[in-house]
Amino acid sequence: MEHYANLIEESYRFDVRYLEGSGASGGLGAGLAAFAGAVLHPRFSLIRKYIKIEEKIATADIVLTAEGSIDFQTPNGKIPTEVARIAKKYDIPVIAITGTVGKGASLNYDAGIDAFLSIIPKPTSLEKAILYAPQWIEDSTESVMRQVDIGYKMASRSRINEGAV
């Protein structure tokens, strides 16, 4: 990325090194800003503006979010933790369904994500992970919802037993 930034600066007299969002998607933001004059905006501000996500989260019982790889970088402005921050304002639990779980993923607990899991059921190649991702996402989401249902049933039984005592 440093080499890419040097080439852009040498050729276009435009320094993308500290331009917020310039490193996203492998430097796509840097290229769009330098070569096409694009104005970069934080992704989440656009999501918040156009789909009114806070209104939807405020009325939810639980929030499921997703991330390709949850790790130490996720709490630094990535969408899952921005979603979690809103959910925490309303005391709503958040579960992240991810492609992989990377180094420092536990930092996301402090950022508002209550639980996370990888969709990948066993060691595999990137090619197979991409091929099977739709089915693995479906399977993982079903499993998460079954676990949530178990928790709900346990909480209901506990309330019933407390009333009977």
N, C-alpha and C. Protein backbone atom coordinates (compact mmCIF):
# COMPACT_ATOMS: atom_id res chain seq x y z
N MET A 1 0.84 -1.20 0.00
CA MET A 1 0.00 0.00 0.00
C MET A 1 0.88 1.25 0.00
N GLU A 2 2.01 1.17 0.71
CA GLU A 2 2.93 2.31 0.73
C GLU A 2 3.46 2.60 -0.67
N HIS A 3 3.80 1.55 -1.39
CA HIS A 3 4.30 1.71 -2.77
C HIS A 3 3.21 2.35 -3.65
N TYR A 4 2.00 1.87 -3.50
CA TYR A 4 0.85 2.40 -4.25
C TYR A 4 0.68 3.89 -3.93
N ALA A 5 0.73 4.25 -2.66
CA ALA A 5 0.59 5.64 -2.24
C ALA A 5 1.73 6.50 -2.82
N ASN A 6 2.95 5.96 -2.84
CA ASN A 6 4.08 6.70 -3.42
C ASN A 6 3.87 6.97 -4.90
N LEU A 7 3.40 5.97 -5.63
CA LEU A 7 3.15 6.14 -7.06
C LEU A 7 2.09 7.20 -7.32
N ILE A 8 1.02 7.16 -6.54
CA ILE A 8 -0.04 8.16 -6.70
C ILE A 8 0.50 9.55 -6.42
N GLU A 9 1.27 9.68 -5.34
CA GLU A 9 1.80 11.00 -4.98
C GLU A 9 2.78 11.51 -6.04
N GLU A 10 3.65 10.64 -6.54
CA GLU A 10 4.61 11.04 -7.56
C GLU A 10 3.92 11.45 -8.86
N SER A 11 2.93 10.69 -9.26
CA SER A 11 2.27 10.92 -10.55
C SER A 11 1.21 12.01 -10.52
N TYR A 12 0.49 12.12 -9.39
CA TYR A 12 -0.67 13.02 -9.35
C TYR A 12 -0.56 14.14 -8.32
N ARG A 13 0.55 14.14 -7.58
CA ARG A 13 0.75 15.13 -6.51
C ARG A 13 -0.43 15.11 -5.52
N PHE A 14 -0.85 13.91 -5.18
CA PHE A 14 -2.00 13.70 -4.30
C PHE A 14 -1.61 12.65 -3.27
N ASP A 15 -1.58 13.01 -2.00
CA ASP A 15 -1.19 12.09 -0.95
C ASP A 15 -2.44 11.42 -0.35
N VAL A 16 -2.54 10.11 -0.55
CA VAL A 16 -3.71 9.38 -0.07
C VAL A 16 -3.45 8.66 1.25
N ARG A 17 -2.22 8.78 1.77
CA ARG A 17 -1.82 8.00 2.94
C ARG A 17 -2.75 8.18 4.15
N TYR A 18 -3.17 9.39 4.40
CA TYR A 18 -3.97 9.65 5.60
C TYR A 18 -5.39 10.06 5.26
N LEU A 19 -5.77 9.85 4.05
CA LEU A 19 -7.13 10.14 3.61
C LEU A 19 -8.04 9.03 4.13
N GLU A 20 -8.96 9.38 5.01
CA GLU A 20 -9.83 8.38 5.62
C GLU A 20 -10.61 7.63 4.54
N GLY A 21 -10.54 6.31 4.63
CA GLY A 21 -11.23 5.45 3.67
C GLY A 21 -10.39 5.08 2.47
N SER A 22 -9.18 5.63 2.37
CA SER A 22 -8.36 5.35 1.19
C SER A 22 -7.81 3.94 1.16
N GLY A 23 -7.74 3.27 2.29
CA GLY A 23 -7.23 1.90 2.31
C GLY A 23 -8.31 0.85 2.16
N ALA A 24 -9.55 1.27 2.15
CA ALA A 24 -10.66 0.31 2.08
C ALA A 24 -10.60 -0.49 0.79
N SER A 25 -11.00 -1.74 0.90
CA SER A 25 -11.07 -2.65 -0.25
C SER A 25 -9.77 -2.67 -1.04
N GLY A 26 -8.67 -2.78 -0.33
CA GLY A 26 -7.38 -2.90 -0.99
C GLY A 26 -6.92 -1.64 -1.68
N GLY A 27 -7.37 -0.49 -1.22
CA GLY A 27 -6.93 0.78 -1.79
C GLY A 27 -7.86 1.33 -2.86
N LEU A 28 -9.02 0.73 -3.00
CA LEU A 28 -9.98 1.22 -3.99
C LEU A 28 -10.34 2.68 -3.74
N GLY A 29 -10.54 3.01 -2.46
CA GLY A 29 -10.86 4.40 -2.11
C GLY A 29 -9.77 5.36 -2.54
N ALA A 30 -8.51 4.98 -2.35
CA ALA A 30 -7.37 5.82 -2.75
C ALA A 30 -7.40 6.05 -4.26
N GLY A 31 -7.63 5.00 -5.00
CA GLY A 31 -7.67 5.12 -6.46
C GLY A 31 -8.82 5.99 -6.93
N LEU A 32 -9.99 5.79 -6.34
CA LEU A 32 -11.13 6.60 -6.74
C LEU A 32 -10.91 8.08 -6.43
N ALA A 33 -10.34 8.36 -5.27
CA ALA A 33 -10.07 9.76 -4.89
C ALA A 33 -9.01 10.38 -5.80
N ALA A 34 -7.92 9.65 -6.03
CA ALA A 34 -6.81 10.19 -6.81
C ALA A 34 -7.11 10.27 -8.30
N PHE A 35 -7.72 9.22 -8.86
CA PHE A 35 -7.88 9.15 -10.31
C PHE A 35 -9.22 9.68 -10.82
N ALA A 36 -10.24 9.64 -9.97
CA ALA A 36 -11.58 10.05 -10.43
C ALA A 36 -12.12 11.25 -9.66
N GLY A 37 -11.35 11.76 -8.71
CA GLY A 37 -11.81 12.92 -7.94
C GLY A 37 -12.95 12.61 -6.99
N ALA A 38 -13.10 11.35 -6.64
CA ALA A 38 -14.19 10.95 -5.76
C ALA A 38 -14.01 11.56 -4.37
N VAL A 39 -15.13 11.86 -3.76
CA VAL A 39 -15.14 12.30 -2.36
C VAL A 39 -15.53 11.07 -1.54
N LEU A 40 -14.68 10.71 -0.60
CA LEU A 40 -14.93 9.51 0.19
C LEU A 40 -15.74 9.86 1.44
N HIS A 41 -16.69 8.99 1.74
CA HIS A 41 -17.53 9.15 2.92
C HIS A 41 -17.44 7.87 3.74
N PRO A 42 -17.49 7.98 5.06
CA PRO A 42 -17.53 6.75 5.86
C PRO A 42 -18.77 5.94 5.46
N ARG A 43 -18.57 4.63 5.24
CA ARG A 43 -19.67 3.78 4.77
C ARG A 43 -20.88 3.86 5.69
N PHE A 44 -20.60 3.83 6.99
CA PHE A 44 -21.72 3.76 7.91
C PHE A 44 -22.57 5.03 7.90
N SER A 45 -21.97 6.18 7.65
CA SER A 45 -22.77 7.40 7.60
C SER A 45 -23.77 7.34 6.45
N LEU A 46 -23.39 6.70 5.35
CA LEU A 46 -24.32 6.54 4.23
C LEU A 46 -25.42 5.56 4.56
N ILE A 47 -25.06 4.47 5.21
CA ILE A 47 -26.06 3.49 5.61
C ILE A 47 -27.05 4.12 6.57
N ARG A 48 -26.53 4.84 7.53
CA ARG A 48 -27.38 5.49 8.53
C ARG A 48 -28.34 6.48 7.87
N LYS A 49 -27.84 7.19 6.90
CA LYS A 49 -28.65 8.21 6.23
C LYS A 49 -29.75 7.60 5.35
N TYR A 50 -29.41 6.58 4.59
CA TYR A 50 -30.34 6.09 3.58
C TYR A 50 -31.27 4.96 4.01
N ILE A 51 -30.87 4.16 4.97
CA ILE A 51 -31.79 3.08 5.34
C ILE A 51 -32.36 3.24 6.75
N LYS A 52 -32.05 4.35 7.39
CA LYS A 52 -32.62 4.66 8.71
C LYS A 52 -32.46 3.46 9.67
N ILE A 53 -31.24 3.01 9.77
CA ILE A 53 -30.95 1.79 10.51
C ILE A 53 -31.26 1.91 12.00
N GLU A 54 -31.08 3.10 12.57
CA GLU A 54 -31.34 3.23 14.00
C GLU A 54 -32.80 2.98 14.33
N GLU A 55 -33.70 3.45 13.50
CA GLU A 55 -35.13 3.21 13.73
C GLU A 55 -35.44 1.71 13.72
N LYS A 56 -34.80 0.99 12.82
CA LYS A 56 -35.03 -0.46 12.73
C LYS A 56 -34.44 -1.19 13.92
N ILE A 57 -33.23 -0.82 14.32
CA ILE A 57 -32.58 -1.46 15.46
C ILE A 57 -33.36 -1.20 16.75
N ALA A 58 -33.86 0.00 16.91
CA ALA A 58 -34.55 0.39 18.15
C ALA A 58 -35.75 -0.50 18.46
N THR A 59 -36.34 -1.10 17.44
CA THR A 59 -37.53 -1.93 17.66
C THR A 59 -37.23 -3.43 17.56
N ALA A 60 -35.97 -3.79 17.47
CA ALA A 60 -35.59 -5.20 17.32
C ALA A 60 -35.48 -5.89 18.68
N ASP A 61 -35.61 -7.20 18.68
CA ASP A 61 -35.36 -8.01 19.87
C ASP A 61 -33.91 -8.45 19.92
N ILE A 62 -33.32 -8.65 18.74
CA ILE A 62 -31.92 -9.07 18.62
C ILE A 62 -31.42 -8.56 17.28
N VAL A 63 -30.12 -8.31 17.19
CA VAL A 63 -29.51 -7.84 15.95
C VAL A 63 -28.47 -8.86 15.50
N LEU A 64 -28.59 -9.30 14.26
CA LEU A 64 -27.57 -10.12 13.62
C LEU A 64 -26.86 -9.23 12.62
N THR A 65 -25.54 -9.24 12.67
CA THR A 65 -24.74 -8.48 11.72
C THR A 65 -23.71 -9.42 11.13
N ALA A 66 -22.97 -8.97 10.15
CA ALA A 66 -22.01 -9.85 9.49
C ALA A 66 -20.72 -9.10 9.17
N GLU A 67 -19.66 -9.87 9.05
CA GLU A 67 -18.35 -9.31 8.72
C GLU A 67 -17.53 -10.42 8.06
N GLY A 68 -16.75 -10.07 7.07
CA GLY A 68 -15.91 -11.05 6.41
C GLY A 68 -14.92 -11.67 7.39
N SER A 69 -14.24 -10.82 8.14
CA SER A 69 -13.29 -11.30 9.14
C SER A 69 -13.38 -10.38 10.36
N ILE A 70 -13.79 -10.92 11.48
CA ILE A 70 -13.87 -10.12 12.70
C ILE A 70 -12.52 -10.24 13.41
N ASP A 71 -11.92 -9.09 13.74
CA ASP A 71 -10.61 -9.10 14.37
C ASP A 71 -10.39 -7.79 15.12
N PHE A 72 -9.15 -7.48 15.44
CA PHE A 72 -8.82 -6.28 16.21
C PHE A 72 -9.16 -5.00 15.47
N GLN A 73 -9.32 -5.04 14.15
CA GLN A 73 -9.64 -3.85 13.38
C GLN A 73 -11.14 -3.53 13.37
N THR A 74 -11.96 -4.51 13.60
CA THR A 74 -13.41 -4.34 13.48
C THR A 74 -13.96 -3.21 14.36
N PRO A 75 -13.48 -3.04 15.60
CA PRO A 75 -14.03 -1.95 16.43
C PRO A 75 -13.67 -0.55 15.94
N ASN A 76 -12.79 -0.44 14.96
CA ASN A 76 -12.35 0.86 14.49
C ASN A 76 -13.17 1.38 13.31
N GLY A 77 -14.47 1.46 13.50
CA GLY A 77 -15.34 2.06 12.50
C GLY A 77 -15.95 1.11 11.49
N LYS A 78 -15.74 -0.19 11.62
CA LYS A 78 -16.38 -1.11 10.68
C LYS A 78 -17.86 -1.25 11.04
N ILE A 79 -18.63 -1.59 10.05
CA ILE A 79 -20.08 -1.58 10.18
C ILE A 79 -20.62 -2.44 11.34
N PRO A 80 -20.13 -3.66 11.56
CA PRO A 80 -20.71 -4.45 12.66
C PRO A 80 -20.64 -3.76 14.02
N THR A 81 -19.52 -3.10 14.31
CA THR A 81 -19.45 -2.44 15.62
C THR A 81 -20.21 -1.13 15.64
N GLU A 82 -20.36 -0.49 14.51
CA GLU A 82 -21.21 0.71 14.47
C GLU A 82 -22.67 0.31 14.72
N VAL A 83 -23.09 -0.80 14.13
CA VAL A 83 -24.43 -1.34 14.37
C VAL A 83 -24.57 -1.69 15.85
N ALA A 84 -23.56 -2.34 16.41
CA ALA A 84 -23.60 -2.75 17.82
C ALA A 84 -23.70 -1.54 18.75
N ARG A 85 -23.02 -0.47 18.43
CA ARG A 85 -23.07 0.74 19.27
C ARG A 85 -24.50 1.30 19.33
N ILE A 86 -25.18 1.25 18.21
CA ILE A 86 -26.59 1.70 18.21
C ILE A 86 -27.42 0.74 19.05
N ALA A 87 -27.24 -0.55 18.84
CA ALA A 87 -28.03 -1.56 19.57
C ALA A 87 -27.85 -1.42 21.08
N LYS A 88 -26.64 -1.11 21.51
CA LYS A 88 -26.38 -0.98 22.95
C LYS A 88 -27.15 0.19 23.56
N LYS A 89 -27.43 1.23 22.77
CA LYS A 89 -28.24 2.34 23.27
C LYS A 89 -29.63 1.86 23.68
N TYR A 90 -30.09 0.77 23.07
CA TYR A 90 -31.42 0.24 23.32
C TYR A 90 -31.37 -1.09 24.07
N ASP A 91 -30.19 -1.46 24.55
CA ASP A 91 -29.98 -2.70 25.31
C ASP A 91 -30.41 -3.94 24.52
N ILE A 92 -30.05 -3.95 23.25
CA ILE A 92 -30.40 -5.05 22.36
C ILE A 92 -29.15 -5.89 22.09
N PRO A 93 -29.25 -7.22 22.27
CA PRO A 93 -28.08 -8.07 22.03
C PRO A 93 -27.70 -8.13 20.55
N VAL A 94 -26.39 -8.29 20.31
CA VAL A 94 -25.85 -8.31 18.94
C VAL A 94 -25.00 -9.56 18.74
N ILE A 95 -25.27 -10.27 17.66
CA ILE A 95 -24.47 -11.43 17.28
C ILE A 95 -23.92 -11.17 15.88
N ALA A 96 -22.61 -11.38 15.72
CA ALA A 96 -21.97 -11.21 14.42
C ALA A 96 -21.68 -12.59 13.82
N ILE A 97 -22.13 -12.78 12.61
CA ILE A 97 -21.84 -14.00 11.85
C ILE A 97 -20.73 -13.61 10.88
N THR A 98 -19.60 -14.31 10.97
CA THR A 98 -18.41 -13.89 10.23
C THR A 98 -17.85 -15.01 9.36
N GLY A 99 -17.07 -14.58 8.38
CA GLY A 99 -16.35 -15.57 7.59
C GLY A 99 -15.26 -16.20 8.43
N THR A 100 -14.43 -15.37 9.03
CA THR A 100 -13.36 -15.88 9.88
C THR A 100 -13.28 -15.06 11.16
N VAL A 101 -12.67 -15.66 12.16
CA VAL A 101 -12.40 -14.99 13.43
C VAL A 101 -10.89 -14.82 13.52
N GLY A 102 -10.44 -13.57 13.54
CA GLY A 102 -9.01 -13.30 13.51
C GLY A 102 -8.45 -12.83 14.84
N LYS A 103 -7.20 -12.45 14.80
CA LYS A 103 -6.46 -12.00 15.97
C LYS A 103 -7.16 -10.80 16.63
N GLY A 104 -7.30 -10.88 17.93
CA GLY A 104 -7.88 -9.77 18.69
C GLY A 104 -9.38 -9.64 18.56
N ALA A 105 -10.05 -10.67 18.10
CA ALA A 105 -11.50 -10.60 17.90
C ALA A 105 -12.24 -10.29 19.20
N SER A 106 -11.69 -10.69 20.34
CA SER A 106 -12.38 -10.46 21.61
C SER A 106 -12.54 -8.98 21.93
N LEU A 107 -11.79 -8.10 21.28
CA LEU A 107 -11.96 -6.66 21.47
C LEU A 107 -13.37 -6.21 21.09
N ASN A 108 -14.01 -7.00 20.27
CA ASN A 108 -15.36 -6.65 19.81
C ASN A 108 -16.40 -6.77 20.91
N TYR A 109 -16.10 -7.54 21.95
CA TYR A 109 -17.04 -7.61 23.07
C TYR A 109 -17.18 -6.23 23.71
N ASP A 110 -16.07 -5.53 23.88
CA ASP A 110 -16.11 -4.19 24.47
C ASP A 110 -16.74 -3.17 23.53
N ALA A 111 -16.79 -3.49 22.24
CA ALA A 111 -17.38 -2.59 21.25
C ALA A 111 -18.88 -2.84 21.07
N GLY A 112 -19.45 -3.80 21.83
CA GLY A 112 -20.89 -4.00 21.78
C GLY A 112 -21.37 -5.26 21.12
N ILE A 113 -20.47 -6.03 20.52
CA ILE A 113 -20.88 -7.30 19.93
C ILE A 113 -20.87 -8.33 21.06
N ASP A 114 -22.01 -8.95 21.31
CA ASP A 114 -22.15 -9.87 22.43
C ASP A 114 -21.62 -11.27 22.13
N ALA A 115 -21.68 -11.67 20.88
CA ALA A 115 -21.20 -12.99 20.48
C ALA A 115 -20.87 -12.95 18.99
N PHE A 116 -19.95 -13.81 18.59
CA PHE A 116 -19.63 -13.93 17.17
C PHE A 116 -19.23 -15.36 16.86
N LEU A 117 -19.40 -15.74 15.60
CA LEU A 117 -19.00 -17.07 15.18
C LEU A 117 -18.61 -17.05 13.72
N SER A 118 -17.75 -17.99 13.36
CA SER A 118 -17.34 -18.15 11.97
C SER A 118 -18.30 -19.12 11.29
N ILE A 119 -18.60 -18.86 10.05
CA ILE A 119 -19.47 -19.76 9.28
C ILE A 119 -18.73 -21.00 8.81
N ILE A 120 -17.39 -20.96 8.83
CA ILE A 120 -16.60 -22.04 8.25
C ILE A 120 -16.56 -23.22 9.22
N PRO A 121 -17.15 -24.36 8.84
CA PRO A 121 -17.28 -25.49 9.77
C PRO A 121 -16.02 -26.33 9.95
N LYS A 122 -15.05 -26.18 9.02
CA LYS A 122 -13.83 -26.98 9.11
C LYS A 122 -12.75 -26.29 8.26
N PRO A 123 -11.50 -26.66 8.46
CA PRO A 123 -10.44 -26.08 7.63
C PRO A 123 -10.76 -26.29 6.15
N THR A 124 -10.54 -25.25 5.36
CA THR A 124 -10.89 -25.32 3.94
C THR A 124 -10.07 -24.32 3.15
N SER A 125 -10.12 -24.43 1.85
CA SER A 125 -9.44 -23.47 0.98
C SER A 125 -10.34 -22.25 0.78
N LEU A 126 -9.73 -21.15 0.36
CA LEU A 126 -10.50 -19.94 0.07
C LEU A 126 -11.52 -20.22 -1.03
N GLU A 127 -11.14 -20.97 -2.02
CA GLU A 127 -12.05 -21.28 -3.13
C GLU A 127 -13.30 -22.01 -2.63
N LYS A 128 -13.10 -23.01 -1.76
CA LYS A 128 -14.24 -23.74 -1.22
C LYS A 128 -15.07 -22.87 -0.30
N ALA A 129 -14.41 -22.01 0.47
CA ALA A 129 -15.15 -21.12 1.36
C ALA A 129 -16.06 -20.20 0.56
N ILE A 130 -15.56 -19.68 -0.53
CA ILE A 130 -16.38 -18.81 -1.39
C ILE A 130 -17.53 -19.61 -2.01
N LEU A 131 -17.23 -20.80 -2.48
CA LEU A 131 -18.24 -21.65 -3.11
C LEU A 131 -19.37 -22.02 -2.14
N TYR A 132 -19.01 -22.39 -0.92
CA TYR A 132 -19.99 -22.88 0.03
C TYR A 132 -20.54 -21.79 0.96
N ALA A 133 -20.06 -20.56 0.84
CA ALA A 133 -20.47 -19.49 1.75
C ALA A 133 -21.98 -19.34 1.87
N PRO A 134 -22.75 -19.33 0.80
CA PRO A 134 -24.20 -19.16 0.98
C PRO A 134 -24.82 -20.23 1.87
N GLN A 135 -24.44 -21.48 1.67
CA GLN A 135 -25.00 -22.56 2.49
C GLN A 135 -24.49 -22.46 3.92
N TRP A 136 -23.22 -22.13 4.10
CA TRP A 136 -22.66 -22.02 5.45
C TRP A 136 -23.27 -20.85 6.21
N ILE A 137 -23.56 -19.77 5.51
CA ILE A 137 -24.23 -18.64 6.17
C ILE A 137 -25.61 -19.06 6.63
N GLU A 138 -26.34 -19.74 5.76
CA GLU A 138 -27.68 -20.22 6.12
C GLU A 138 -27.62 -21.18 7.31
N ASP A 139 -26.70 -22.13 7.26
CA ASP A 139 -26.57 -23.10 8.36
C ASP A 139 -26.19 -22.41 9.67
N SER A 140 -25.24 -21.49 9.61
CA SER A 140 -24.80 -20.78 10.82
C SER A 140 -25.91 -19.92 11.41
N THR A 141 -26.65 -19.26 10.54
CA THR A 141 -27.74 -18.41 11.01
C THR A 141 -28.83 -19.26 11.66
N GLU A 142 -29.15 -20.39 11.06
CA GLU A 142 -30.14 -21.29 11.68
C GLU A 142 -29.65 -21.75 13.05
N SER A 143 -28.39 -22.11 13.15
CA SER A 143 -27.83 -22.56 14.43
C SER A 143 -27.90 -21.45 15.48
N VAL A 144 -27.54 -20.24 15.10
CA VAL A 144 -27.61 -19.10 16.03
C VAL A 144 -29.03 -18.90 16.51
N MET A 145 -29.99 -18.94 15.61
CA MET A 145 -31.37 -18.70 16.00
C MET A 145 -31.90 -19.83 16.89
N ARG A 146 -31.45 -21.04 16.67
CA ARG A 146 -31.83 -22.14 17.55
C ARG A 146 -31.26 -21.92 18.95
N GLN A 147 -30.04 -21.41 19.03
CA GLN A 147 -29.44 -21.12 20.33
C GLN A 147 -30.18 -19.97 21.03
N VAL A 148 -30.56 -18.97 20.27
CA VAL A 148 -31.33 -17.86 20.84
C VAL A 148 -32.66 -18.39 21.37
N ASP A 149 -33.29 -19.27 20.62
CA ASP A 149 -34.56 -19.87 21.05
C ASP A 149 -34.39 -20.65 22.35
N ILE A 150 -33.30 -21.39 22.47
CA ILE A 150 -33.03 -22.11 23.72
C ILE A 150 -32.92 -21.12 24.88
N GLY A 151 -32.19 -20.04 24.67
CA GLY A 151 -32.05 -19.02 25.71
C GLY A 151 -33.39 -18.41 26.09
N TYR A 152 -34.22 -18.15 25.10
CA TYR A 152 -35.54 -17.59 25.35
C TYR A 152 -36.38 -18.56 26.19
N LYS A 153 -36.34 -19.84 25.82
CA LYS A 153 -37.11 -20.84 26.57
C LYS A 153 -36.60 -20.97 28.00
N MET A 154 -35.29 -20.92 28.17
CA MET A 154 -34.72 -21.01 29.53
C MET A 154 -35.15 -19.80 30.37
N ALA A 155 -35.12 -18.62 29.76
CA ALA A 155 -35.53 -17.41 30.48
C ALA A 155 -37.01 -17.47 30.84
N SER A 156 -37.83 -17.99 29.93
CA SER A 156 -39.27 -18.11 30.21
C SER A 156 -39.52 -19.07 31.35
N ARG A 157 -38.82 -20.20 31.36
CA ARG A 157 -38.98 -21.17 32.44
C ARG A 157 -38.54 -20.58 33.77
N SER A 158 -37.48 -19.82 33.71
CA SER A 158 -36.97 -19.19 34.96
C SER A 158 -38.00 -18.23 35.52
N ARG A 159 -38.63 -17.44 34.64
CA ARG A 159 -39.67 -16.50 35.10
C ARG A 159 -40.86 -17.25 35.69
N ILE A 160 -41.24 -18.36 35.05
CA ILE A 160 -42.36 -19.16 35.53
C ILE A 160 -42.02 -19.75 36.91
N ASN A 161 -40.82 -20.29 37.03
CA ASN A 161 -40.41 -20.89 38.31
C ASN A 161 -40.30 -19.85 39.42
N GLU A 162 -39.85 -18.66 39.09
CA GLU A 162 -39.78 -17.59 40.09
C GLU A 162 -41.16 -17.23 40.60
N GLY A 163 -42.14 -17.23 39.70
CA GLY A 163 -43.51 -16.90 40.09
C GLY A 163 -44.15 -17.99 40.92
N ALA A 164 -43.68 -19.24 40.73
CA ALA A 164 -44.26 -20.37 41.45
C ALA A 164 -43.69 -20.52 42.86
N VAL A 165 -42.55 -19.86 43.12
CA VAL A 165 -41.90 -20.00 44.43
C VAL A 165 -42.59 -19.17 45.48
